[in-house]
Amino acid sequence: MNTNDANEPQSPRADSGANETVKCLIIGSGPAGYTAAVYTARANLSPVLYEGMQPGGQLTTTTEIENFPGYPDGVSGFDFMEDLKKQALRFNVDIRRGVVTACDLSTKPCKVTIDGEKIVEAETLIICTGATAKYLGLPDEARYAGKGVSACATCDGFFYRKKTVAVVGGGDSACEEALYLAGLASKVYLIVRKDHLRASQIMQERVMCNPKIEVLFNTNTVGLFGEEFVEGAHLVRFKGEAKEEKFDIAIDGFFLAIGHTPNSGIFRPALATDENGYIQTVWGTAKTNIPGVFAAGDVADPNYRQAITAAGTGCIAAIETERYLNAIEHR
C-alpha cells in the first residue's frame, strides 16, 4: 500500500516534527490497529497510529476475504483494509508512516522511538504489530530471495502464471496459498511434512479436489537449486526412517506458508510473552503486565489469527484504554 499516493486521503494531523506527548498511541495498521483507532477516536482520545513496516498489515496481501461479517460477496484484502483506513480517517485518526525502533516501558508516560529519531511519549499504548512469516532456515532461501522464494503467494503469484510452483505447509494458510496459485500456475506441489493436513475440513477438500494441486505428504525440503533463479527443490520423503527417499522436483517458485513469528521483540523483556514470543494478556482482556499498555491482534494471538478476532481485540483494547485513562483522571 502506497500511503504517499496523491489520491489517497491523508490524516489531517500527520506530523513528523519534534518530540511530542500523546494520550493514546497505536502501533500497527491491521484490523486490530484500525479498530482500536476507530474506537479510541470516537471516545475523544485523539489516537495517533503509526502504520509500521507493512501498512495495512498482512491482509493487504490476501486476495479474497469470505468470512468477515458484512461482506456477503467477499472482499479483497486490500479493499478491506482501505475501508478500515477510510473509517479511521473519518473520525480524524492521526495516521502516520513510521516504524517503532525502540520502546521504553519503564516510565510513565512510556517513550516510543519512531524511525530511530522521533520520540513519542504515550500515556497509553496499544500494540498491534502482528506477526511475520516463518522460513525453513535453509541457506538456499536467502540465496534465492526474490529469485523464486517468497512468503506471499498473493504478492508474487502473478509472476508464476502457467509455471510450476511449490508451497510448504499443511495449515489453512498453506492451503489458501496453494489454491490461489492453482488459479495462476500450471501445477502446484503442496509439501507437507506430516501425513495429514492441519487445515480446516473445507480447505482440505478444496485442495484435494483441485486437479492442479499435488500433495506430497511426509516430505521435507532440504534444499533448492538453479543457476540464477529457482529451478527445483531437493526433497526427502520419510526423513530419518528406514524407507527414506530422496528426490527432486522441478519448480519455478517456492512459497513458504509454515506459520508466523509475533513482532514483539522490541517490547521484550518488559512485556510478558509466551515461549513463542506472543504477548501475554490477562484472559478476556487486552491488558498486558504493564498498566496502560495493551496488546491486540496477531501479536498476542497464537491460536486464531483471524481478521475478525484481531478486530475484536482491537475493540477490547480501545475500551480498556478509555477506562484506564478515566480511572487516572478520577483518582
C-alpha atoms as a PDB file:
ATOM      1  CA  MET A   1       0.000   0.000   0.000  1.00  0.00           C
ATOM      2  CA  ASN A   2       1.464   3.347  -1.028  1.00  0.00           C
ATOM      3  CA  THR A   3       0.401   5.840   1.609  1.00  0.00           C
ATOM      4  CA  ASN A   4       2.048   8.684  -0.283  1.00  0.00           C
ATOM      5  CA  ASP A   5      -0.351   8.374  -3.220  1.00  0.00           C
ATOM      6  CA  ALA A   6      -1.737  11.796  -4.027  1.00  0.00           C
ATOM      7  CA  ASN A   7      -5.211  10.313  -4.462  1.00  0.00           C
ATOM      8  CA  GLU A   8      -5.259   8.664  -1.036  1.00  0.00           C
ATOM      9  CA  PRO A   9      -6.832  10.508   1.890  1.00  0.00           C
ATOM     10  CA  GLN A  10      -4.264  11.617   4.426  1.00  0.00           C
ATOM     11  CA  SER A  11      -4.540  12.201   8.153  1.00  0.00           C
ATOM     12  CA  PRO A  12      -5.361  15.845   8.910  1.00  0.00           C
ATOM     13  CA  ARG A  13      -2.813  15.951  11.735  1.00  0.00           C
ATOM     14  CA  ALA A  14       0.102  13.982  10.264  1.00  0.00           C
ATOM     15  CA  ASP A  15       3.249  15.259  11.936  1.00  0.00           C
ATOM     16  CA  SER A  16       6.893  14.269  11.501  1.00  0.00           C
ATOM     17  CA  GLY A  17       8.351  17.073  13.558  1.00  0.00           C
ATOM     18  CA  ALA A  18       9.690  17.335  17.100  1.00  0.00           C
ATOM     19  CA  ASN A  19       9.056  15.030  20.047  1.00  0.00           C
ATOM     20  CA  GLU A  20       5.548  15.085  21.479  1.00  0.00           C
ATOM     21  CA  THR A  21       3.217  13.598  24.071  1.00  0.00           C
ATOM     22  CA  VAL A  22       0.005  11.821  23.044  1.00  0.00           C
ATOM     23  CA  LYS A  23      -2.870  10.396  25.044  1.00  0.00           C
ATOM     24  CA  CYS A  24      -3.148   7.174  23.011  1.00  0.00           C
ATOM     25  CA  LEU A  25      -0.527   5.700  20.698  1.00  0.00           C
ATOM     26  CA  ILE A  26      -1.382   2.757  18.447  1.00  0.00           C
ATOM     27  CA  ILE A  27       1.356   0.775  16.730  1.00  0.00           C
ATOM     28  CA  GLY A  28       0.271  -1.202  13.685  1.00  0.00           C
ATOM     29  CA  SER A  29      -2.307  -0.792  10.922  1.00  0.00           C
ATOM     30  CA  GLY A  30      -4.012  -4.147  10.546  1.00  0.00           C
ATOM     31  CA  PRO A  31      -7.612  -4.906  11.615  1.00  0.00           C
ATOM     32  CA  ALA A  32      -6.645  -4.648  15.302  1.00  0.00           C
ATOM     33  CA  GLY A  33      -4.898  -1.302  14.920  1.00  0.00           C
ATOM     34  CA  TYR A  34      -7.585   0.362  12.825  1.00  0.00           C
ATOM     35  CA  THR A  35     -10.409  -0.956  15.011  1.00  0.00           C
ATOM     36  CA  ALA A  36      -8.645   0.342  18.111  1.00  0.00           C
ATOM     37  CA  ALA A  37      -8.170   3.647  16.311  1.00  0.00           C
ATOM     38  CA  VAL A  38     -11.858   3.980  15.430  1.00  0.00           C
ATOM     39  CA  TYR A  39     -12.998   3.220  18.974  1.00  0.00           C
ATOM     40  CA  THR A  40     -10.466   5.453  20.714  1.00  0.00           C
ATOM     41  CA  ALA A  41     -11.152   8.294  18.288  1.00  0.00           C
ATOM     42  CA  ARG A  42     -14.900   8.085  18.958  1.00  0.00           C
ATOM     43  CA  ALA A  43     -14.051   8.260  22.659  1.00  0.00           C
ATOM     44  CA  ASN A  44     -12.233  11.568  22.032  1.00  0.00           C
ATOM     45  CA  LEU A  45      -8.812  10.137  22.916  1.00  0.00           C
ATOM     46  CA  SER A  46      -7.156  11.692  19.811  1.00  0.00           C
ATOM     47  CA  PRO A  47      -5.258   8.499  18.885  1.00  0.00           C
ATOM     48  CA  VAL A  48      -2.055   8.579  16.869  1.00  0.00           C
ATOM     49  CA  LEU A  49      -1.458   5.473  14.751  1.00  0.00           C
ATOM     50  CA  TYR A  50       1.864   4.517  13.186  1.00  0.00           C
ATOM     51  CA  GLU A  51       1.436   2.128  10.276  1.00  0.00           C
ATOM     52  CA  GLY A  52       4.622   0.123  10.749  1.00  0.00           C
ATOM     53  CA  MET A  53       6.622  -1.815   8.183  1.00  0.00           C
ATOM     54  CA  GLN A  54       3.573  -3.163   6.334  1.00  0.00           C
ATOM     55  CA  PRO A  55       0.864  -0.505   6.082  1.00  0.00           C
ATOM     56  CA  GLY A  56      -2.482  -2.232   6.227  1.00  0.00           C
ATOM     57  CA  GLY A  57      -0.994  -5.396   7.702  1.00  0.00           C
ATOM     58  CA  GLN A  58      -0.918  -8.876   6.212  1.00  0.00           C
ATOM     59  CA  LEU A  59      -4.423  -8.677   4.795  1.00  0.00           C
ATOM     60  CA  THR A  60      -3.235  -6.343   2.047  1.00  0.00           C
ATOM     61  CA  THR A  61      -1.626  -9.447   0.535  1.00  0.00           C
ATOM     62  CA  THR A  62      -4.780 -11.577   0.741  1.00  0.00           C
ATOM     63  CA  THR A  63      -6.814 -11.902  -2.421  1.00  0.00           C
ATOM     64  CA  GLU A  64     -10.268 -12.685  -1.097  1.00  0.00           C
ATOM     65  CA  ILE A  65     -11.837 -12.495   2.360  1.00  0.00           C
ATOM     66  CA  GLU A  66     -15.002 -14.566   2.532  1.00  0.00           C
ATOM     67  CA  ASN A  67     -15.587 -14.940   6.256  1.00  0.00           C
ATOM     68  CA  PHE A  68     -15.727 -11.390   7.613  1.00  0.00           C
ATOM     69  CA  PRO A  69     -19.311 -10.417   8.544  1.00  0.00           C
ATOM     70  CA  GLY A  70     -20.810  -7.661   6.452  1.00  0.00           C
ATOM     71  CA  TYR A  71     -19.253  -8.709   3.145  1.00  0.00           C
ATOM     72  CA  PRO A  72     -21.709 -11.295   1.752  1.00  0.00           C
ATOM     73  CA  ASP A  73     -19.968 -11.394  -1.614  1.00  0.00           C
ATOM     74  CA  GLY A  74     -16.453 -11.338  -0.169  1.00  0.00           C
ATOM     75  CA  VAL A  75     -13.887  -8.565  -0.441  1.00  0.00           C
ATOM     76  CA  SER A  76     -10.236  -8.332  -1.414  1.00  0.00           C
ATOM     77  CA  GLY A  77      -7.808  -7.928   1.444  1.00  0.00           C
ATOM     78  CA  PHE A  78      -6.560  -4.642   0.025  1.00  0.00           C
ATOM     79  CA  ASP A  79     -10.061  -3.189  -0.322  1.00  0.00           C
ATOM     80  CA  PHE A  80     -10.981  -4.396   3.152  1.00  0.00           C
ATOM     81  CA  MET A  81      -8.029  -2.610   4.720  1.00  0.00           C
ATOM     82  CA  GLU A  82      -8.735   0.502   2.663  1.00  0.00           C
ATOM     83  CA  ASP A  83     -12.271   0.512   4.059  1.00  0.00           C
ATOM     84  CA  LEU A  84     -10.925   0.290   7.603  1.00  0.00           C
ATOM     85  CA  LYS A  85      -8.457   3.090   6.969  1.00  0.00           C
ATOM     86  CA  LYS A  86     -11.133   5.360   5.485  1.00  0.00           C
ATOM     87  CA  GLN A  87     -13.319   4.714   8.506  1.00  0.00           C
ATOM     88  CA  ALA A  88     -10.471   5.653  10.837  1.00  0.00           C
ATOM     89  CA  LEU A  89      -9.809   8.833   8.864  1.00  0.00           C
ATOM     90  CA  ARG A  90     -13.491   9.709   9.073  1.00  0.00           C
ATOM     91  CA  PHE A  91     -13.019  10.032  12.832  1.00  0.00           C
ATOM     92  CA  ASN A  92      -9.824  12.087  12.374  1.00  0.00           C
ATOM     93  CA  VAL A  93      -7.375   9.417  13.477  1.00  0.00           C
ATOM     94  CA  ASP A  94      -3.826  10.715  13.070  1.00  0.00           C
ATOM     95  CA  ILE A  95      -2.367   8.052  10.750  1.00  0.00           C
ATOM     96  CA  ARG A  96       1.372   8.292  10.104  1.00  0.00           C
ATOM     97  CA  ARG A  97       4.115   6.480   8.270  1.00  0.00           C
ATOM     98  CA  GLY A  98       6.812   5.170  10.573  1.00  0.00           C
ATOM     99  CA  VAL A  99       8.331   2.156  12.304  1.00  0.00           C
ATOM    100  CA  VAL A 100       8.964   1.770  16.023  1.00  0.00           C
ATOM    101  CA  THR A 101      12.685   1.207  16.592  1.00  0.00           C
ATOM    102  CA  ALA A 102      12.866   1.436  20.389  1.00  0.00           C
ATOM    103  CA  CYS A 103      10.471   1.418  23.315  1.00  0.00           C
ATOM    104  CA  ASP A 104      10.933   2.290  26.992  1.00  0.00           C
ATOM    105  CA  LEU A 105       8.017   0.969  29.018  1.00  0.00           C
ATOM    106  CA  SER A 106       9.644   1.634  32.386  1.00  0.00           C
ATOM    107  CA  THR A 107       8.451   5.245  32.514  1.00  0.00           C
ATOM    108  CA  LYS A 108       5.086   6.974  32.648  1.00  0.00           C
ATOM    109  CA  PRO A 109       4.321   8.092  30.030  1.00  0.00           C
ATOM    110  CA  CYS A 110       6.163   5.389  28.079  1.00  0.00           C
ATOM    111  CA  LYS A 111       8.622   6.506  25.423  1.00  0.00           C
ATOM    112  CA  VAL A 112       8.447   5.145  21.882  1.00  0.00           C
ATOM    113  CA  THR A 113      11.101   5.944  19.288  1.00  0.00           C
ATOM    114  CA  ILE A 114       9.990   6.216  15.661  1.00  0.00           C
ATOM    115  CA  ASP A 115      12.451   5.529  12.821  1.00  0.00           C
ATOM    116  CA  GLY A 116      15.387   5.916  15.211  1.00  0.00           C
ATOM    117  CA  GLU A 117      14.763   9.647  15.560  1.00  0.00           C
ATOM    118  CA  LYS A 118      11.492  10.938  16.940  1.00  0.00           C
ATOM    119  CA  ILE A 119      10.408  10.100  20.496  1.00  0.00           C
ATOM    120  CA  VAL A 120       6.703   9.974  21.238  1.00  0.00           C
ATOM    121  CA  GLU A 121       5.638   9.904  24.859  1.00  0.00           C
ATOM    122  CA  ALA A 122       2.387   7.993  25.234  1.00  0.00           C
ATOM    123  CA  GLU A 123       0.046   7.953  28.191  1.00  0.00           C
ATOM    124  CA  THR A 124      -1.374   4.692  26.827  1.00  0.00           C
ATOM    125  CA  LEU A 125      -0.007   2.291  24.242  1.00  0.00           C
ATOM    126  CA  ILE A 126      -1.887  -0.241  22.103  1.00  0.00           C
ATOM    127  CA  ILE A 127       0.447  -2.737  20.407  1.00  0.00           C
ATOM    128  CA  CYS A 128      -0.934  -4.221  17.171  1.00  0.00           C
ATOM    129  CA  THR A 129       2.302  -5.174  15.412  1.00  0.00           C
ATOM    130  CA  GLY A 130       1.126  -8.535  14.096  1.00  0.00           C
ATOM    131  CA  ALA A 131       3.349 -11.457  13.181  1.00  0.00           C
ATOM    132  CA  THR A 132       5.910 -12.276  10.465  1.00  0.00           C
ATOM    133  CA  ALA A 133       6.049 -15.340   8.245  1.00  0.00           C
ATOM    134  CA  LYS A 134       8.473 -18.103   9.191  1.00  0.00           C
ATOM    135  CA  TYR A 135      11.077 -19.651   6.896  1.00  0.00           C
ATOM    136  CA  LEU A 136      12.615 -23.115   6.945  1.00  0.00           C
ATOM    137  CA  GLY A 137      16.073 -21.738   7.680  1.00  0.00           C
ATOM    138  CA  LEU A 138      17.696 -23.174   4.564  1.00  0.00           C
ATOM    139  CA  PRO A 139      20.676 -21.225   3.170  1.00  0.00           C
ATOM    140  CA  ASP A 140      19.048 -21.503  -0.240  1.00  0.00           C
ATOM    141  CA  GLU A 141      16.075 -19.436   0.933  1.00  0.00           C
ATOM    142  CA  ALA A 142      18.341 -16.415   1.315  1.00  0.00           C
ATOM    143  CA  ARG A 143      20.227 -17.226  -1.864  1.00  0.00           C
ATOM    144  CA  TYR A 144      17.059 -17.237  -3.949  1.00  0.00           C
ATOM    145  CA  ALA A 145      15.200 -14.484  -2.093  1.00  0.00           C
ATOM    146  CA  GLY A 146      13.379 -12.523  -4.767  1.00  0.00           C
ATOM    147  CA  LYS A 147      14.521 -15.100  -7.307  1.00  0.00           C
ATOM    148  CA  GLY A 148      11.889 -17.739  -6.755  1.00  0.00           C
ATOM    149  CA  VAL A 149      11.491 -17.808  -2.959  1.00  0.00           C
ATOM    150  CA  SER A 150       8.538 -15.993  -1.446  1.00  0.00           C
ATOM    151  CA  ALA A 151       6.409 -15.991   1.702  1.00  0.00           C
ATOM    152  CA  CYS A 152       3.484 -14.312  -0.006  1.00  0.00           C
ATOM    153  CA  ALA A 153       1.708 -16.044  -2.871  1.00  0.00           C
ATOM    154  CA  THR A 154      -0.696 -13.188  -3.452  1.00  0.00           C
ATOM    155  CA  CYS A 155       2.203 -10.744  -3.676  1.00  0.00           C
ATOM    156  CA  ASP A 156       4.281 -12.728  -6.156  1.00  0.00           C
ATOM    157  CA  GLY A 157       1.964 -15.298  -7.694  1.00  0.00           C
ATOM    158  CA  PHE A 158       1.412 -13.152 -10.790  1.00  0.00           C
ATOM    159  CA  PHE A 159       4.988 -13.845 -11.865  1.00  0.00           C
ATOM    160  CA  TYR A 160       4.362 -17.598 -11.969  1.00  0.00           C
ATOM    161  CA  ARG A 161       1.459 -17.791 -14.358  1.00  0.00           C
ATOM    162  CA  LYS A 162       1.484 -21.081 -16.288  1.00  0.00           C
ATOM    163  CA  LYS A 163       4.554 -22.207 -14.346  1.00  0.00           C
ATOM    164  CA  THR A 164       5.174 -24.874 -11.696  1.00  0.00           C
ATOM    165  CA  VAL A 165       5.416 -23.873  -8.050  1.00  0.00           C
ATOM    166  CA  ALA A 166       5.584 -25.438  -4.598  1.00  0.00           C
ATOM    167  CA  VAL A 167       4.009 -24.388  -1.312  1.00  0.00           C
ATOM    168  CA  VAL A 168       5.364 -25.588   2.031  1.00  0.00           C
ATOM    169  CA  GLY A 169       2.900 -26.126   4.879  1.00  0.00           C
ATOM    170  CA  GLY A 170      -0.183 -28.044   5.897  1.00  0.00           C
ATOM    171  CA  GLY A 171      -2.454 -25.496   7.591  1.00  0.00           C
ATOM    172  CA  ASP A 172      -5.165 -23.168   6.344  1.00  0.00           C
ATOM    173  CA  SER A 173      -2.664 -20.573   5.149  1.00  0.00           C
ATOM    174  CA  ALA A 174      -0.756 -23.131   3.088  1.00  0.00           C
ATOM    175  CA  CYS A 175      -3.948 -24.470   1.540  1.00  0.00           C
ATOM    176  CA  GLU A 176      -5.156 -20.963   0.746  1.00  0.00           C
ATOM    177  CA  GLU A 177      -1.829 -20.141  -0.891  1.00  0.00           C
ATOM    178  CA  ALA A 178      -1.902 -23.374  -2.903  1.00  0.00           C
ATOM    179  CA  LEU A 179      -5.446 -22.708  -4.097  1.00  0.00           C
ATOM    180  CA  TYR A 180      -4.616 -19.150  -5.056  1.00  0.00           C
ATOM    181  CA  LEU A 181      -1.554 -20.255  -7.001  1.00  0.00           C
ATOM    182  CA  ALA A 182      -3.540 -23.018  -8.691  1.00  0.00           C
ATOM    183  CA  GLY A 183      -5.551 -20.261 -10.334  1.00  0.00           C
ATOM    184  CA  LEU A 184      -2.358 -18.939 -11.933  1.00  0.00           C
ATOM    185  CA  ALA A 185       0.203 -21.713 -12.230  1.00  0.00           C
ATOM    186  CA  SER A 186       0.064 -24.840 -14.353  1.00  0.00           C
ATOM    187  CA  LYS A 187       0.903 -27.086 -11.378  1.00  0.00           C
ATOM    188  CA  VAL A 188       1.239 -26.667  -7.606  1.00  0.00           C
ATOM    189  CA  TYR A 189       3.028 -29.015  -5.237  1.00  0.00           C
ATOM    190  CA  LEU A 190       1.930 -28.791  -1.603  1.00  0.00           C
ATOM    191  CA  ILE A 191       4.820 -30.065   0.523  1.00  0.00           C
ATOM    192  CA  VAL A 192       3.587 -31.375   3.886  1.00  0.00           C
ATOM    193  CA  ARG A 193       5.994 -32.817   6.441  1.00  0.00           C
ATOM    194  CA  LYS A 194       3.261 -34.766   8.239  1.00  0.00           C
ATOM    195  CA  ASP A 195       0.964 -37.488   6.917  1.00  0.00           C
ATOM    196  CA  HIS A 196      -2.080 -35.212   7.038  1.00  0.00           C
ATOM    197  CA  LEU A 197      -3.246 -31.636   6.539  1.00  0.00           C
ATOM    198  CA  ARG A 198      -3.948 -29.482   9.587  1.00  0.00           C
ATOM    199  CA  ALA A 199      -6.251 -27.161   7.654  1.00  0.00           C
ATOM    200  CA  SER A 200      -9.989 -26.859   8.199  1.00  0.00           C
ATOM    201  CA  GLN A 201     -12.100 -29.532   6.531  1.00  0.00           C
ATOM    202  CA  ILE A 202     -13.411 -27.238   3.814  1.00  0.00           C
ATOM    203  CA  MET A 203      -9.886 -26.125   2.887  1.00  0.00           C
ATOM    204  CA  GLN A 204      -8.683 -29.742   2.795  1.00  0.00           C
ATOM    205  CA  GLU A 205     -11.496 -30.678   0.453  1.00  0.00           C
ATOM    206  CA  ARG A 206     -10.774 -27.779  -1.871  1.00  0.00           C
ATOM    207  CA  VAL A 207      -7.107 -28.715  -2.075  1.00  0.00           C
ATOM    208  CA  MET A 208      -7.617 -32.439  -2.554  1.00  0.00           C
ATOM    209  CA  CYS A 209     -10.225 -31.835  -5.262  1.00  0.00           C
ATOM    210  CA  ASN A 210      -8.124 -29.377  -7.253  1.00  0.00           C
ATOM    211  CA  PRO A 211      -6.555 -31.169 -10.235  1.00  0.00           C
ATOM    212  CA  LYS A 212      -3.650 -28.743 -10.368  1.00  0.00           C
ATOM    213  CA  ILE A 213      -2.516 -29.449  -6.794  1.00  0.00           C
ATOM    214  CA  GLU A 214      -0.404 -32.478  -5.877  1.00  0.00           C
ATOM    215  CA  VAL A 215       0.068 -33.021  -2.147  1.00  0.00           C
ATOM    216  CA  LEU A 216       3.380 -34.545  -1.071  1.00  0.00           C
ATOM    217  CA  PHE A 217       2.846 -35.950   2.425  1.00  0.00           C
ATOM    218  CA  ASN A 218       5.651 -36.989   4.809  1.00  0.00           C
ATOM    219  CA  THR A 219       8.018 -34.771   2.831  1.00  0.00           C
ATOM    220  CA  ASN A 220      10.688 -32.257   3.871  1.00  0.00           C
ATOM    221  CA  THR A 221      12.514 -29.716   1.743  1.00  0.00           C
ATOM    222  CA  VAL A 222      16.285 -29.920   2.230  1.00  0.00           C
ATOM    223  CA  GLY A 223      17.449 -27.540  -0.476  1.00  0.00           C
ATOM    224  CA  LEU A 224      16.766 -25.611  -3.649  1.00  0.00           C
ATOM    225  CA  PHE A 225      18.717 -25.481  -6.876  1.00  0.00           C
ATOM    226  CA  GLY A 226      19.038 -23.385 -10.000  1.00  0.00           C
ATOM    227  CA  GLU A 227      21.604 -21.281 -11.839  1.00  0.00           C
ATOM    228  CA  GLU A 228      20.309 -17.811 -11.007  1.00  0.00           C
ATOM    229  CA  PHE A 229      16.658 -18.427 -10.193  1.00  0.00           C
ATOM    230  CA  VAL A 230      14.929 -21.353  -8.508  1.00  0.00           C
ATOM    231  CA  GLU A 231      14.666 -24.282 -10.886  1.00  0.00           C
ATOM    232  CA  GLY A 232      13.855 -27.066  -8.454  1.00  0.00           C
ATOM    233  CA  ALA A 233      13.783 -28.382  -4.895  1.00  0.00           C
ATOM    234  CA  HIS A 234      15.610 -31.241  -3.174  1.00  0.00           C
ATOM    235  CA  LEU A 235      13.104 -33.230  -1.134  1.00  0.00           C
ATOM    236  CA  VAL A 236      13.198 -36.130   1.313  1.00  0.00           C
ATOM    237  CA  ARG A 237      10.228 -38.385   1.945  1.00  0.00           C
ATOM    238  CA  PHE A 238      10.076 -40.227   5.293  1.00  0.00           C
ATOM    239  CA  LYS A 239      13.159 -38.402   6.511  1.00  0.00           C
ATOM    240  CA  GLY A 240      15.182 -40.379   9.077  1.00  0.00           C
ATOM    241  CA  GLU A 241      13.218 -43.578   8.550  1.00  0.00           C
ATOM    242  CA  ALA A 242      14.330 -46.853   7.002  1.00  0.00           C
ATOM    243  CA  LYS A 243      12.267 -46.124   3.899  1.00  0.00           C
ATOM    244  CA  GLU A 244      13.744 -42.619   3.461  1.00  0.00           C
ATOM    245  CA  GLU A 245      13.592 -41.495  -0.150  1.00  0.00           C
ATOM    246  CA  LYS A 246      15.368 -38.536  -1.711  1.00  0.00           C
ATOM    247  CA  PHE A 247      14.052 -36.968  -4.887  1.00  0.00           C
ATOM    248  CA  ASP A 248      13.900 -33.669  -6.759  1.00  0.00           C
ATOM    249  CA  ILE A 249      11.032 -31.742  -8.289  1.00  0.00           C
ATOM    250  CA  ALA A 250      11.288 -29.111 -10.998  1.00  0.00           C
ATOM    251  CA  ILE A 251       9.691 -25.829  -9.908  1.00  0.00           C
ATOM    252  CA  ASP A 252       9.889 -22.151 -10.791  1.00  0.00           C
ATOM    253  CA  GLY A 253       8.673 -20.769  -7.469  1.00  0.00           C
ATOM    254  CA  PHE A 254       8.932 -21.829  -3.810  1.00  0.00           C
ATOM    255  CA  PHE A 255       6.398 -20.393  -1.334  1.00  0.00           C
ATOM    256  CA  LEU A 256       6.570 -20.631   2.461  1.00  0.00           C
ATOM    257  CA  ALA A 257       3.367 -20.962   4.498  1.00  0.00           C
ATOM    258  CA  ILE A 258       4.544 -22.554   7.744  1.00  0.00           C
ATOM    259  CA  GLY A 259       3.479 -20.140  10.390  1.00  0.00           C
ATOM    260  CA  HIS A 260       4.449 -16.806  11.876  1.00  0.00           C
ATOM    261  CA  THR A 261       6.643 -15.166  14.488  1.00  0.00           C
ATOM    262  CA  PRO A 262       4.982 -12.431  16.562  1.00  0.00           C
ATOM    263  CA  ASN A 263       6.531  -8.991  16.102  1.00  0.00           C
ATOM    264  CA  SER A 264       7.048  -8.455  19.814  1.00  0.00           C
ATOM    265  CA  GLY A 265      10.828  -8.423  20.168  1.00  0.00           C
ATOM    266  CA  ILE A 266      11.160  -4.696  20.668  1.00  0.00           C
ATOM    267  CA  PHE A 267       8.790  -4.825  23.649  1.00  0.00           C
ATOM    268  CA  ARG A 268      10.615  -7.616  25.453  1.00  0.00           C
ATOM    269  CA  PRO A 269      11.669  -8.254  28.160  1.00  0.00           C
ATOM    270  CA  ALA A 270       9.423  -5.517  29.604  1.00  0.00           C
ATOM    271  CA  LEU A 271       6.267  -7.304  28.468  1.00  0.00           C
ATOM    272  CA  ALA A 272       5.459 -10.865  29.436  1.00  0.00           C
ATOM    273  CA  THR A 273       5.333 -13.242  26.455  1.00  0.00           C
ATOM    274  CA  ASP A 274       4.819 -16.960  25.973  1.00  0.00           C
ATOM    275  CA  GLU A 275       7.557 -19.328  24.807  1.00  0.00           C
ATOM    276  CA  ASN A 276       6.967 -18.329  21.179  1.00  0.00           C
ATOM    277  CA  GLY A 277       7.042 -14.582  21.805  1.00  0.00           C
ATOM    278  CA  TYR A 278       3.319 -13.852  21.718  1.00  0.00           C
ATOM    279  CA  ILE A 279       2.475 -11.050  24.143  1.00  0.00           C
ATOM    280  CA  GLN A 280       0.527 -12.426  27.074  1.00  0.00           C
ATOM    281  CA  THR A 281      -2.643 -10.634  28.073  1.00  0.00           C
ATOM    282  CA  VAL A 282      -4.979 -11.083  31.011  1.00  0.00           C
ATOM    283  CA  TRP A 283      -7.576 -13.638  29.919  1.00  0.00           C
ATOM    284  CA  GLY A 284     -10.565 -11.987  28.265  1.00  0.00           C
ATOM    285  CA  THR A 285      -8.836  -8.616  28.047  1.00  0.00           C
ATOM    286  CA  ALA A 286      -6.095  -6.821  26.129  1.00  0.00           C
ATOM    287  CA  LYS A 287      -4.211  -5.874  29.297  1.00  0.00           C
ATOM    288  CA  THR A 288      -0.518  -6.714  29.485  1.00  0.00           C
ATOM    289  CA  ASN A 289       1.563  -6.952  32.654  1.00  0.00           C
ATOM    290  CA  ILE A 290       2.203  -3.188  32.444  1.00  0.00           C
ATOM    291  CA  PRO A 291      -0.702  -0.868  33.294  1.00  0.00           C
ATOM    292  CA  GLY A 292      -1.653   1.358  30.381  1.00  0.00           C
ATOM    293  CA  VAL A 293      -0.060  -0.946  27.801  1.00  0.00           C
ATOM    294  CA  PHE A 294      -2.395  -3.141  25.773  1.00  0.00           C
ATOM    295  CA  ALA A 295      -1.868  -5.727  23.027  1.00  0.00           C
ATOM    296  CA  ALA A 296      -4.295  -6.739  20.291  1.00  0.00           C
ATOM    297  CA  GLY A 297      -4.333  -8.817  17.130  1.00  0.00           C
ATOM    298  CA  ASP A 298      -1.874 -11.460  15.980  1.00  0.00           C
ATOM    299  CA  VAL A 299       0.997 -10.249  18.173  1.00  0.00           C
ATOM    300  CA  ALA A 300      -0.989 -11.563  21.135  1.00  0.00           C
ATOM    301  CA  ASP A 301      -2.879 -14.387  19.426  1.00  0.00           C
ATOM    302  CA  PRO A 302      -1.131 -17.755  18.921  1.00  0.00           C
ATOM    303  CA  ASN A 303      -4.389 -19.611  18.322  1.00  0.00           C
ATOM    304  CA  TYR A 304      -6.794 -17.911  15.936  1.00  0.00           C
ATOM    305  CA  ARG A 305      -5.048 -15.220  13.871  1.00  0.00           C
ATOM    306  CA  GLN A 306      -8.192 -14.152  12.049  1.00  0.00           C
ATOM    307  CA  ALA A 307      -9.206 -10.691  10.899  1.00  0.00           C
ATOM    308  CA  ILE A 308     -12.363 -10.742  12.982  1.00  0.00           C
ATOM    309  CA  THR A 309     -10.620 -11.840  16.176  1.00  0.00           C
ATOM    310  CA  ALA A 310      -7.948  -9.199  15.613  1.00  0.00           C
ATOM    311  CA  ALA A 311     -10.619  -6.540  15.160  1.00  0.00           C
ATOM    312  CA  GLY A 312     -12.402  -7.783  18.264  1.00  0.00           C
ATOM    313  CA  THR A 313      -9.310  -7.496  20.430  1.00  0.00           C
ATOM    314  CA  GLY A 314      -8.635  -4.069  18.943  1.00  0.00           C
ATOM    315  CA  CYS A 315     -12.064  -3.022  20.187  1.00  0.00           C
ATOM    316  CA  ILE A 316     -11.344  -4.502  23.618  1.00  0.00           C
ATOM    317  CA  ALA A 317      -8.006  -2.703  23.829  1.00  0.00           C
ATOM    318  CA  ALA A 318      -9.632   0.616  22.924  1.00  0.00           C
ATOM    319  CA  ILE A 319     -12.396   0.321  25.505  1.00  0.00           C
ATOM    320  CA  GLU A 320      -9.911  -0.659  28.196  1.00  0.00           C
ATOM    321  CA  THR A 321      -7.683   2.253  27.214  1.00  0.00           C
ATOM    322  CA  GLU A 322     -10.583   4.640  27.742  1.00  0.00           C
ATOM    323  CA  ARG A 323     -11.391   3.072  31.120  1.00  0.00           C
ATOM    324  CA  TYR A 324      -7.752   3.236  32.183  1.00  0.00           C
ATOM    325  CA  LEU A 325      -7.490   6.924  31.376  1.00  0.00           C
ATOM    326  CA  ASN A 326     -10.809   7.700  33.045  1.00  0.00           C
ATOM    327  CA  ALA A 327      -9.690   5.920  36.207  1.00  0.00           C
ATOM    328  CA  ILE A 328      -6.496   8.003  36.323  1.00  0.00           C
ATOM    329  CA  GLU A 329      -8.399  11.253  35.799  1.00  0.00           C
ATOM    330  CA  HIS A 330     -10.794  10.492  38.654  1.00  0.00           C
ATOM    331  CA  ARG A 331      -8.283   9.421  41.245  1.00  0.00           C
END
